Protein backbone atom coordinates (compact mmCIF):
# COMPACT_ATOMS: atom_id res chain seq x y z
CA MET A 1 -28.00 46.61 31.04
CA THR A 2 -25.40 45.74 33.69
CA ALA A 3 -21.75 46.56 33.09
CA ALA A 4 -19.89 44.35 35.55
CA GLN A 5 -16.44 45.04 37.01
CA GLN A 6 -16.39 48.77 36.22
CA PRO A 7 -14.48 51.14 38.54
CA GLU A 8 -16.36 53.62 40.69
CA TRP A 9 -14.89 56.74 39.08
CA PRO A 10 -15.12 59.53 41.70
CA ASP A 11 -15.36 62.45 39.25
CA GLU A 12 -17.64 62.22 36.20
CA ARG A 13 -16.08 65.33 34.64
CA GLU A 14 -12.62 63.80 34.79
CA LEU A 15 -13.98 60.60 33.23
CA LYS A 16 -15.73 62.50 30.42
CA SER A 17 -12.58 64.51 29.67
CA ALA A 18 -10.39 61.38 29.50
CA LEU A 19 -12.80 59.52 27.22
CA GLU A 20 -13.13 62.52 24.89
CA GLU A 21 -9.34 62.71 24.66
CA LEU A 22 -9.13 58.99 23.85
CA ALA A 23 -11.84 59.28 21.19
CA ALA A 24 -9.80 61.96 19.40
CA LEU A 25 -6.56 59.95 19.36
CA PRO A 26 -5.46 57.73 16.43
CA PRO A 27 -6.32 54.01 16.48
CA LEU A 28 -3.74 51.68 17.99
CA VAL A 29 -4.37 48.92 15.45
CA PHE A 30 -6.09 48.81 12.08
CA ALA A 31 -9.10 46.97 10.72
CA GLY A 32 -7.06 45.21 8.05
CA GLU A 33 -4.77 43.75 10.69
CA ALA A 34 -7.74 42.43 12.64
CA ARG A 35 -9.08 40.80 9.46
CA SER A 36 -5.69 39.17 8.86
CA LEU A 37 -5.76 37.77 12.39
CA GLN A 38 -9.23 36.34 11.87
CA SER A 39 -8.05 34.61 8.70
CA ALA A 40 -5.10 33.13 10.60
CA LEU A 41 -7.41 31.98 13.40
CA ALA A 42 -9.58 30.22 10.85
CA SER A 43 -6.52 28.14 9.93
CA VAL A 44 -5.88 27.49 13.62
CA ALA A 45 -9.46 26.21 14.03
CA GLU A 46 -8.83 23.70 11.22
CA GLY A 47 -5.67 22.38 12.86
CA LYS A 48 -3.40 23.90 10.20
CA ALA A 49 -1.66 26.17 12.73
CA PHE A 50 -1.38 26.48 16.50
CA LEU A 51 -2.16 29.52 18.64
CA LEU A 52 0.31 30.74 21.24
CA GLN A 53 -1.28 33.58 23.22
CA ALA A 54 0.94 34.75 26.05
CA GLY A 55 2.15 37.63 28.16
CA ASP A 56 1.91 39.37 31.51
CA CYS A 57 -1.02 38.92 33.86
CA ALA A 58 -1.20 42.73 33.97
CA GLU A 59 1.07 45.24 32.30
CA SER A 60 2.75 47.81 34.51
CA PHE A 61 3.46 51.50 34.11
CA ALA A 62 6.70 50.90 36.04
CA ASP A 63 8.04 48.05 33.88
CA PHE A 64 8.24 49.94 30.60
CA SER A 65 11.40 50.04 28.51
CA ALA A 66 12.66 48.95 25.10
CA ASP A 67 14.63 46.13 26.73
CA ALA A 68 11.59 44.83 28.62
CA ILE A 69 9.43 44.84 25.48
CA ARG A 70 12.17 43.15 23.46
CA ASP A 71 12.67 40.44 26.07
CA LYS A 72 8.93 39.73 26.42
CA LEU A 73 8.79 39.28 22.67
CA LYS A 74 11.94 37.17 22.77
CA ILE A 75 10.55 34.45 25.05
CA ILE A 76 7.39 34.15 22.94
CA LEU A 77 9.51 33.84 19.78
CA GLN A 78 11.62 31.15 21.44
CA MET A 79 8.56 29.17 22.41
CA ALA A 80 7.10 29.54 18.92
CA VAL A 81 10.30 28.25 17.30
CA VAL A 82 10.30 25.17 19.54
CA LEU A 83 6.64 24.45 18.67
CA THR A 84 7.05 25.11 14.95
CA TYR A 85 10.15 22.95 14.67
CA ALA A 86 8.61 20.05 16.58
CA ALA A 87 5.12 20.12 15.10
CA GLY A 88 5.96 21.21 11.57
CA MET A 89 3.12 23.70 11.56
CA PRO A 90 2.92 27.50 11.78
CA VAL A 91 2.47 29.08 15.21
CA LEU A 92 0.19 32.11 15.42
CA LYS A 93 1.67 34.55 17.94
CA VAL A 94 -0.68 36.76 19.96
CA GLY A 95 0.58 38.74 22.94
CA ARG A 96 -1.16 39.83 26.13
CA ILE A 97 0.53 43.16 25.57
CA ALA A 98 -0.03 46.81 24.58
CA GLY A 99 -3.34 47.07 26.43
CA GLN A 100 -3.56 44.55 29.30
CA PHE A 101 -3.73 47.24 31.99
CA ALA A 102 -7.07 46.44 33.66
CA LYS A 103 -7.98 43.48 35.84
CA PRO A 104 -11.30 42.16 37.20
CA ARG A 105 -11.39 41.52 40.94
CA SER A 106 -13.42 39.16 43.06
CA LYS A 107 -13.74 41.75 45.84
CA ASN A 108 -14.17 45.52 45.69
CA GLU A 109 -11.91 46.02 48.71
CA GLU A 110 -8.56 44.67 49.86
CA THR A 111 -7.81 44.41 53.57
CA ILE A 112 -4.39 44.37 55.19
CA GLY A 113 -4.45 44.24 58.97
CA ASP A 114 -7.29 46.49 60.02
CA VAL A 115 -7.11 48.74 56.93
CA SER A 116 -9.47 48.26 53.97
CA LEU A 117 -8.92 50.08 50.66
CA PRO A 118 -10.36 49.80 47.12
CA SER A 119 -8.89 46.82 45.28
CA PHE A 120 -6.14 47.33 42.75
CA ARG A 121 -7.80 47.08 39.31
CA GLY A 122 -4.79 47.52 37.05
CA HIS A 123 -2.67 50.54 36.26
CA SER A 124 -5.22 51.98 33.86
CA VAL A 125 -7.51 52.46 36.90
CA ASN A 126 -5.40 52.91 40.05
CA ASP A 127 -2.02 52.07 41.57
CA ASP A 128 -0.97 48.87 43.30
CA THR A 129 0.54 50.79 46.26
CA PHE A 130 -1.56 50.14 49.38
CA ASP A 131 -2.44 53.77 49.99
CA LEU A 132 -5.77 55.61 49.90
CA ASP A 133 -4.67 58.20 47.31
CA ALA A 134 -2.98 55.55 45.15
CA ARG A 135 -6.11 53.39 45.13
CA ARG A 136 -8.36 56.25 44.00
CA PRO A 137 -9.55 55.44 40.45
CA ASP A 138 -8.13 58.06 38.07
CA PRO A 139 -9.51 58.26 34.47
CA ALA A 140 -6.32 60.00 33.29
CA ARG A 141 -4.61 56.63 33.74
CA MET A 142 -6.55 55.30 30.73
CA VAL A 143 -4.92 57.98 28.58
CA ARG A 144 -1.52 57.01 29.95
CA ALA A 145 -2.29 53.35 29.17
CA TYR A 146 -3.14 54.35 25.58
CA HIS A 147 0.19 56.15 25.11
CA GLN A 148 2.21 53.29 26.62
CA SER A 149 0.33 50.87 24.37
CA ALA A 150 1.13 53.01 21.34
CA ALA A 151 4.84 53.10 22.17
CA THR A 152 4.84 49.35 22.85
CA LEU A 153 3.18 48.62 19.53
CA ASN A 154 5.67 50.83 17.73
CA LEU A 155 8.56 48.82 19.15
CA ILE A 156 6.87 45.47 18.51
CA ARG A 157 6.36 46.37 14.85
CA ALA A 158 9.99 47.47 14.59
CA PHE A 159 11.27 44.26 16.21
CA THR A 160 9.06 41.85 14.26
CA LYS A 161 9.49 43.49 10.86
CA GLY A 162 12.91 45.12 11.19
CA GLY A 163 15.28 42.16 11.58
CA PHE A 164 15.08 41.14 15.25
CA ALA A 165 12.67 38.28 14.43
CA ASP A 166 14.87 37.01 11.56
CA ILE A 167 15.31 33.23 11.72
CA ASN A 168 19.07 33.81 11.70
CA LYS A 169 18.75 35.50 15.12
CA LEU A 170 17.71 32.27 16.85
CA HIS A 171 20.83 32.12 19.00
CA THR A 172 20.66 35.77 20.08
CA TRP A 173 17.17 35.24 21.52
CA ASN A 174 18.60 33.07 24.30
CA GLN A 175 18.80 35.23 27.38
CA GLU A 176 21.81 34.72 29.63
CA PHE A 177 20.00 33.09 32.57
CA VAL A 178 18.07 30.82 30.19
CA ALA A 179 21.12 29.89 28.12
CA GLU A 180 22.76 28.53 31.26
CA SER A 181 19.78 26.29 32.06
CA LYS A 182 18.82 22.82 30.84
CA GLN A 183 16.00 24.36 28.82
CA GLY A 184 18.34 26.90 27.26
CA ARG A 185 20.78 24.19 26.19
CA ARG A 186 17.90 22.21 24.72
CA TYR A 187 16.76 25.31 22.84
CA GLU A 188 20.29 25.85 21.51
CA GLN A 189 20.23 22.34 20.05
CA VAL A 190 16.98 23.17 18.22
CA ALA A 191 18.59 26.38 16.93
CA ARG A 192 21.62 24.46 15.65
CA ASP A 193 19.38 21.94 13.91
CA ILE A 194 17.50 24.78 12.20
CA ASP A 195 20.81 26.38 11.18
CA ARG A 196 21.87 23.13 9.51
CA ALA A 197 18.52 22.85 7.71
CA LEU A 198 18.85 26.43 6.42
CA SER A 199 22.43 25.78 5.28
CA PHE A 200 21.27 22.66 3.44
CA MET A 201 18.53 24.59 1.62
CA ALA A 202 20.98 27.33 0.68
CA ALA A 203 23.43 24.73 -0.63
CA CYS A 204 20.63 23.34 -2.80
CA GLY A 205 20.30 26.74 -4.46
CA ILE A 206 17.20 27.98 -2.62
CA ASP A 207 17.34 31.77 -2.23
CA LEU A 208 16.40 32.14 1.43
CA GLY A 209 16.74 35.91 1.21
CA GLU A 210 13.58 36.05 -0.86
CA GLU A 211 11.49 34.20 1.73
CA SER A 212 10.03 37.00 3.87
CA GLU A 213 8.57 34.50 6.34
CA LEU A 214 12.12 33.67 7.46
CA HIS A 215 13.04 37.26 8.22
CA GLN A 216 9.95 38.75 9.85
CA VAL A 217 6.91 37.54 11.75
CA ASP A 218 3.31 38.56 12.24
CA PHE A 219 2.58 39.39 15.86
CA TYR A 220 -0.82 40.45 17.14
CA THR A 221 -2.00 42.07 20.37
CA SER A 222 -4.85 41.19 22.70
CA HIS A 223 -6.28 42.12 26.07
CA GLU A 224 -9.40 41.68 28.15
CA ALA A 225 -11.98 44.26 27.05
CA LEU A 226 -12.83 45.17 30.62
CA LEU A 227 -13.11 48.97 30.77
CA LEU A 228 -16.00 49.62 28.42
CA GLY A 229 -15.47 53.37 28.31
CA TYR A 230 -11.91 52.87 27.07
CA GLU A 231 -12.94 50.28 24.47
CA GLU A 232 -15.84 52.38 23.18
CA ALA A 233 -13.63 55.47 22.88
CA LEU A 234 -11.20 53.55 20.67
CA THR A 235 -13.84 52.02 18.40
CA ARG A 236 -13.68 53.27 14.83
CA LYS A 237 -15.68 52.79 11.62
CA ASP A 238 -13.62 51.10 8.91
CA SER A 239 -13.59 53.26 5.78
CA LEU A 240 -13.33 50.22 3.49
CA THR A 241 -16.14 48.05 4.84
CA GLY A 242 -18.26 50.36 7.00
CA ASP A 243 -17.89 47.92 9.91
CA TYR A 244 -16.90 48.98 13.40
CA TYR A 245 -13.62 47.76 14.93
CA ASP A 246 -12.33 48.17 18.46
CA CYS A 247 -8.93 49.58 17.55
CA SER A 248 -7.39 49.15 21.01
CA ALA A 249 -6.14 45.65 20.06
CA HIS A 250 -6.41 43.05 17.31
CA LEU A 251 -8.23 40.53 19.52
CA LEU A 252 -10.41 41.28 22.55
CA TRP A 253 -11.63 38.77 25.08
CA ILE A 254 -14.48 38.72 27.58
CA GLY A 255 -13.54 37.40 31.01
CA GLU A 256 -15.17 34.76 33.15
CA ARG A 257 -16.66 37.49 35.38
CA THR A 258 -18.16 39.55 32.53
CA ARG A 259 -19.52 36.95 30.08
CA GLN A 260 -23.19 37.36 31.07
CA ILE A 261 -25.25 36.87 27.89
CA ASP A 262 -27.40 39.90 28.78
CA GLY A 263 -24.46 41.95 30.07
CA ALA A 264 -22.88 45.06 28.62
CA HIS A 265 -19.59 43.41 27.64
CA VAL A 266 -21.26 40.83 25.41
CA GLU A 267 -23.53 43.54 23.98
CA PHE A 268 -20.62 45.84 23.14
CA LEU A 269 -18.33 43.23 21.59
CA SER A 270 -21.14 41.73 19.54
CA GLY A 271 -21.12 45.04 17.63
CA VAL A 272 -17.44 45.10 16.60
CA LYS A 273 -15.80 42.98 13.91
CA ASN A 274 -12.55 42.08 15.67
CA PRO A 275 -11.80 38.45 16.40
CA LEU A 276 -13.21 37.79 19.87
CA ALA A 277 -12.68 35.31 22.68
CA VAL A 278 -14.57 34.34 25.82
CA LYS A 279 -13.10 32.78 28.95
CA LEU A 280 -15.13 29.77 30.12
CA GLY A 281 -14.60 28.55 33.67
CA PRO A 282 -15.97 25.45 35.43
CA SER A 283 -19.33 27.15 36.04
CA SER A 284 -19.92 27.44 32.27
CA THR A 285 -22.70 25.26 30.90
CA PRO A 286 -23.13 23.91 27.37
CA GLY A 287 -26.12 26.23 27.06
CA ASP A 288 -23.95 29.21 28.00
CA ALA A 289 -21.41 28.31 25.32
CA VAL A 290 -23.97 27.94 22.54
CA ALA A 291 -25.76 31.15 23.54
CA LEU A 292 -22.49 33.07 23.49
CA ALA A 293 -21.58 31.63 20.08
CA GLU A 294 -24.96 32.66 18.68
CA ARG A 295 -24.68 36.15 20.14
CA LEU A 296 -21.06 36.89 19.27
CA ASN A 297 -20.78 35.05 15.95
CA PRO A 298 -24.29 34.93 14.47
CA GLU A 299 -22.95 34.50 10.92
CA ASN A 300 -20.72 31.62 12.08
CA GLU A 301 -17.59 33.14 10.54
CA PRO A 302 -14.45 30.96 10.81
CA GLY A 303 -11.87 32.51 13.11
CA ARG A 304 -14.26 35.05 14.59
CA LEU A 305 -14.79 33.40 17.98
CA SER A 306 -12.48 31.56 20.38
CA PHE A 307 -13.47 29.85 23.60
CA ILE A 308 -10.63 29.93 26.13
CA THR A 309 -11.35 27.26 28.72
CA ARG A 310 -9.98 27.75 32.25
CA MET A 311 -11.30 24.76 34.17
CA GLY A 312 -8.46 23.72 36.46
CA ALA A 313 -6.60 20.41 36.33
CA ASP A 314 -9.05 18.77 38.73
CA ALA A 315 -12.23 19.85 36.89
CA ILE A 316 -11.40 19.76 33.19
CA GLU A 317 -12.20 16.08 32.61
CA ASP A 318 -15.75 16.57 33.90
CA LYS A 319 -16.45 20.08 32.62
CA LEU A 320 -14.91 20.30 29.15
CA PRO A 321 -16.40 17.29 27.26
CA PRO A 322 -20.07 18.45 27.51
CA LEU A 323 -19.08 21.88 26.16
CA LEU A 324 -17.21 20.40 23.21
CA GLN A 325 -20.03 18.02 22.39
CA ARG A 326 -22.81 20.62 22.55
CA VAL A 327 -20.93 23.24 20.53
CA ALA A 328 -19.99 20.65 17.90
CA GLU A 329 -23.62 19.51 17.65
CA SER A 330 -24.73 23.13 17.21
CA GLY A 331 -22.42 23.54 14.22
CA HIS A 332 -20.69 26.66 15.51
CA ASN A 333 -17.17 27.44 14.33
CA VAL A 334 -15.05 27.89 17.45
CA VAL A 335 -11.32 28.05 18.14
CA TRP A 336 -10.75 26.01 21.30
CA VAL A 337 -7.92 27.35 23.48
CA CYS A 338 -6.66 26.17 26.88
CA ASP A 339 -5.90 28.64 29.66
CA PRO A 340 -4.19 26.34 32.21
CA MET A 341 -3.31 29.21 34.54
CA HIS A 342 -6.44 30.67 36.15
CA GLY A 343 -8.13 27.46 37.24
CA ASN A 344 -5.00 26.33 39.09
CA THR A 345 -4.31 29.26 41.38
CA ILE A 346 -3.57 28.36 45.02
CA SER A 347 -2.11 29.96 48.14
CA SER A 348 1.32 28.85 49.30
CA ASP A 349 2.15 27.98 52.90
CA LYS A 350 3.42 31.55 53.36
CA GLY A 351 0.35 33.12 51.76
CA PHE A 352 1.71 33.80 48.27
CA LYS A 353 -0.71 33.47 45.38
CA THR A 354 0.89 30.81 43.18
CA ARG A 355 0.39 27.97 40.71
CA ARG A 356 2.02 24.58 40.38
CA PHE A 357 3.77 23.91 37.08
CA ALA A 358 2.57 20.29 37.29
CA ASP A 359 -1.09 21.42 37.47
CA ILE A 360 -0.60 23.74 34.48
CA LEU A 361 0.94 20.92 32.45
CA ASN A 362 -1.69 18.40 33.55
CA GLU A 363 -4.54 20.66 32.46
CA ILE A 364 -2.98 21.08 29.00
CA LYS A 365 -2.44 17.31 28.70
CA ALA A 366 -6.07 16.69 29.64
CA PHE A 367 -7.17 19.38 27.16
CA PHE A 368 -5.37 17.57 24.33
CA ALA A 369 -6.62 14.13 25.41
CA ILE A 370 -10.25 15.24 25.65
CA HIS A 371 -10.16 16.85 22.23
CA ASN A 372 -8.60 13.69 20.84
CA ASP A 373 -11.43 11.63 22.32
CA THR A 374 -14.17 13.92 20.98
CA GLY A 375 -12.65 14.43 17.54
CA THR A 376 -12.29 18.19 18.01
CA ILE A 377 -9.16 20.31 17.63
CA PRO A 378 -7.03 21.57 20.55
CA ALA A 379 -6.13 24.80 18.80
CA GLY A 380 -3.95 26.74 21.22
CA VAL A 381 -2.87 27.81 24.68
CA HIS A 382 -3.31 31.04 26.62
CA LEU A 383 -0.50 31.63 29.14
CA GLU A 384 0.62 34.16 31.71
CA LEU A 385 4.40 34.38 31.59
CA THR A 386 7.32 36.74 31.79
CA HIS A 387 10.83 36.92 30.38
CA GLU A 388 12.19 37.57 33.86
CA SER A 389 13.68 35.11 36.33
CA VAL A 390 10.78 35.47 38.76
CA THR A 391 9.77 32.95 41.41
CA GLU A 392 5.98 33.01 41.22
CA CYS A 393 4.95 29.51 40.06
CA LEU A 394 6.06 26.35 41.82
CA GLY A 395 7.94 23.57 40.04
CA GLY A 396 9.50 23.26 36.61
CA ALA A 397 12.65 21.37 35.61
CA GLU A 398 14.78 23.62 37.82
CA GLU A 399 12.28 23.47 40.61
CA VAL A 400 10.89 26.56 42.31
CA LEU A 401 9.96 25.57 45.86
CA ASP A 402 7.61 27.21 48.34
CA GLY A 403 10.56 28.82 50.12
CA HIS A 404 11.76 30.40 46.86
CA LEU A 405 8.57 32.37 46.16
CA GLU A 406 9.52 35.37 48.28
CA GLN A 407 12.92 35.70 46.57
CA HIS A 408 11.69 37.29 43.34
CA TYR A 409 7.91 37.60 43.42
CA GLN A 410 6.87 40.56 41.26
CA ALA A 411 3.37 39.80 39.92
CA LEU A 412 0.91 42.68 40.12
CA CYS A 413 -2.06 40.30 40.25
CA ASP A 414 -1.47 36.70 39.19
CA PRO A 415 1.63 34.47 39.28
CA ARG A 416 3.44 33.99 35.96
CA LEU A 417 5.72 31.33 34.51
CA ASN A 418 9.30 32.54 34.33
CA ALA A 419 11.45 32.20 31.21
CA ARG A 420 12.83 28.79 32.12
CA GLN A 421 9.40 27.40 32.99
CA SER A 422 8.03 28.86 29.75
CA LEU A 423 10.62 26.96 27.71
CA ASP A 424 9.90 23.86 29.79
CA LEU A 425 6.27 24.13 28.80
CA ALA A 426 7.12 24.78 25.15
CA PHE A 427 9.04 21.50 24.91
CA ASP A 428 6.22 19.62 26.66
CA LEU A 429 3.70 21.18 24.27
CA ALA A 430 5.89 20.27 21.32
CA GLU A 431 5.71 16.60 22.30
CA MET A 432 1.91 16.81 22.51
CA LEU A 433 1.68 18.42 19.07
CA GLN A 434 3.97 15.77 17.58
CA SER A 435 1.72 13.01 18.85
């Protein structure tokens, strides 16, 4: 059975030692949490909640601090508040965080000038520095990724349950460079409106202190289950149910390059009970989608399986409707999610890998319109974004132009929306959900 996109580890003994160490370490997440997420996703599939799945294209060993983790969480919380307030429905928050350290690549080698080296495959495999030693795959990096994920999860739990996510903190979530923007001012107006609503409820005698939902949030983690050795080493048998869970994250997804129905990634994830997702690009056929649903969710459990479509703004109107129709006819329970990032990647005039904000927004609009036409539910979005004021994607209300890209381009692999563009998109999404 073929395991696609696996590194060529140079030393089998080093690999064996790293995997044995991982297998002896505690789980990062727990089976009960994964079951709670599946229950929440079942509500999302029914249109009773909306999924916001977001985070870095690839996490970095270098960008690791309490402030960075807090600020990544902050922008997702801001977006969720905008969506919840506008749509009047809960927003399920899932981060691309605490495990998104490996990336698939279209080519095994990267060439600069007349030098060719192994491609950068994420910090859990090798380093992004263009140097022969740095690009050597090192299994010890998987252990380092585990420990950084554990520390990240510890902070996320503290922030989301320890007061930082309290609804009364709405104003403190506005970062300085966002607060000075049009989007930040618009967000502040939403925060003031919520403050007035809370004051009104308190004046009516409602004890808001007793409502835990106002003072803490549920936040789940996800990443692409790319490195099968890492995922297998962190799989544990649940003592309550006897089922196996991949305890590296609450939700795992299979990428566009590894979704072969007879491949090792589908085989492995079919054996764990976590909620799962599959990325479906423009080459996906209705037959592919149904086969994957039958393989990964044979009992047709609500919330078990999400399809994350990544068609591109130019292809979605042709490619998505046949998938929706065939899956609906088959009777499979699926959470339909839009990834408007990966199908819209282009090269700028100066050679930067980028995306146009307008293309991202147009794909989401088409996603909603197509679901409306077919009577299915547009259940969520899957975004690559950062809390930082980067210049990686073109456009937005305060427009990033081609000449701006080189000013603050920091992406390890793929271009991300910055904080202002993320809030832009949240308000646009809010209007779609209202309608």
